[in-house]
């Protein structure tokens, strides 16, 4: 039982820290969600295609899959959190 106590205590501390991090980036997540597919994103994408952006500029947000996959991962994570919370109620 002592091992179980230690194991659960460590998992709770790690999850708590991860949830703190996740909570802090929710504003960024909403901004990415708004940006993706917006006229601003489309213009940035067109500028990239026309090679008007600096070559050394990171452009992961201009990949259609990157933001979509991240948003999908967040939706799945939120669903998992709800499922876990629901199981704890029973």
Protein backbone atom coordinates (compact mmCIF):
# COMPACT_ATOMS: atom_id res chain seq x y z
CA UNK A 1 0.00 0.00 0.00
CA UNK A 2 2.94 2.30 0.66
CA UNK A 3 4.07 1.79 -2.96
CA UNK A 4 0.59 2.64 -4.17
CA UNK A 5 0.56 5.79 -2.05
CA UNK A 6 3.92 6.88 -3.46
CA UNK A 7 2.89 6.04 -7.03
CA UNK A 8 -0.41 7.93 -6.86
CA UNK A 9 1.19 10.90 -5.06
CA UNK A 10 3.82 11.27 -7.78
CA UNK A 11 1.24 10.92 -10.57
CA UNK A 12 -0.99 13.54 -8.94
CA UNK A 13 1.90 15.99 -8.63
CA UNK A 14 2.94 15.48 -12.29
CA UNK A 15 -0.64 15.81 -13.54
CA UNK A 16 -1.24 18.91 -11.43
CA UNK A 17 1.85 20.58 -12.91
CA UNK A 18 0.82 19.56 -16.44
CA UNK A 19 -2.70 20.89 -15.91
CA UNK A 20 -1.25 24.18 -14.65
CA UNK A 21 0.78 24.42 -17.88
CA UNK A 22 -2.23 23.47 -20.02
CA UNK A 23 -4.44 26.01 -18.27
CA UNK A 24 -1.89 28.77 -18.86
CA UNK A 25 -1.83 28.21 -22.64
CA UNK A 26 -5.60 28.24 -23.18
CA UNK A 27 -5.48 31.84 -24.41
CA UNK A 28 -2.87 30.82 -26.99
CA UNK A 29 -5.04 27.90 -28.01
CA UNK A 30 -8.06 30.15 -28.59
CA UNK A 31 -5.88 32.57 -30.58
CA UNK A 32 -4.60 29.73 -32.79
CA UNK A 33 -8.15 28.49 -33.29
CA UNK A 34 -9.24 31.97 -34.41
CA UNK A 35 -6.16 32.45 -36.62
CA UNK A 36 -6.50 29.10 -38.41
CA UNK A 37 -8.48 29.63 -41.59
CA UNK A 38 -8.86 33.38 -40.99
CA UNK A 39 -8.13 35.98 -43.65
CA UNK A 40 -4.91 36.75 -41.76
CA UNK A 41 -3.81 33.09 -42.01
CA UNK A 42 -4.74 33.00 -45.70
CA UNK A 43 -2.68 36.13 -46.36
CA UNK A 44 0.28 34.73 -44.41
CA UNK A 45 -0.03 31.50 -46.38
CA UNK A 46 -0.13 33.41 -49.69
CA UNK A 47 2.88 35.48 -48.62
CA UNK A 48 4.75 32.28 -47.83
CA UNK A 49 3.83 30.72 -51.16
CA UNK A 50 5.02 33.88 -52.92
CA UNK A 51 8.29 33.69 -50.93
CA UNK A 52 7.69 37.08 -49.29
CA UNK A 53 8.49 35.73 -45.82
CA UNK A 54 12.06 35.38 -44.55
CA UNK A 55 13.51 31.93 -45.28
CA UNK A 56 14.57 31.40 -41.65
CA UNK A 57 11.09 32.20 -40.28
CA UNK A 58 9.39 29.26 -38.62
CA UNK A 59 6.15 28.54 -40.47
CA UNK A 60 4.57 25.61 -38.70
CA UNK A 61 1.35 27.59 -38.27
CA UNK A 62 1.07 27.80 -42.05
CA UNK A 63 0.91 24.04 -42.37
CA UNK A 64 -2.77 23.16 -42.59
CA UNK A 65 -2.19 20.01 -40.57
CA UNK A 66 -0.22 21.46 -37.65
CA UNK A 67 -2.90 23.65 -36.11
CA UNK A 68 -5.71 21.24 -37.07
CA UNK A 69 -3.90 18.32 -35.42
CA UNK A 70 -3.14 20.38 -32.31
CA UNK A 71 -6.78 21.47 -31.98
CA UNK A 72 -7.88 17.85 -32.43
CA UNK A 73 -5.37 16.70 -29.79
CA UNK A 74 -6.74 19.31 -27.39
CA UNK A 75 -10.34 18.22 -28.04
CA UNK A 76 -9.36 14.60 -27.42
CA UNK A 77 -7.49 15.54 -24.23
CA UNK A 78 -10.47 17.51 -22.95
CA UNK A 79 -12.70 14.53 -23.67
CA UNK A 80 -10.34 12.22 -21.79
CA UNK A 81 -10.31 14.56 -18.82
CA UNK A 82 -14.12 14.60 -18.77
CA UNK A 83 -14.24 10.79 -19.01
CA UNK A 84 -11.79 10.39 -16.14
CA UNK A 85 -13.72 12.89 -14.01
CA UNK A 86 -16.97 11.07 -14.79
CA UNK A 87 -15.51 7.70 -13.79
CA UNK A 88 -14.35 9.19 -10.49
CA UNK A 89 -17.94 10.21 -9.66
CA UNK A 90 -19.16 6.62 -9.82
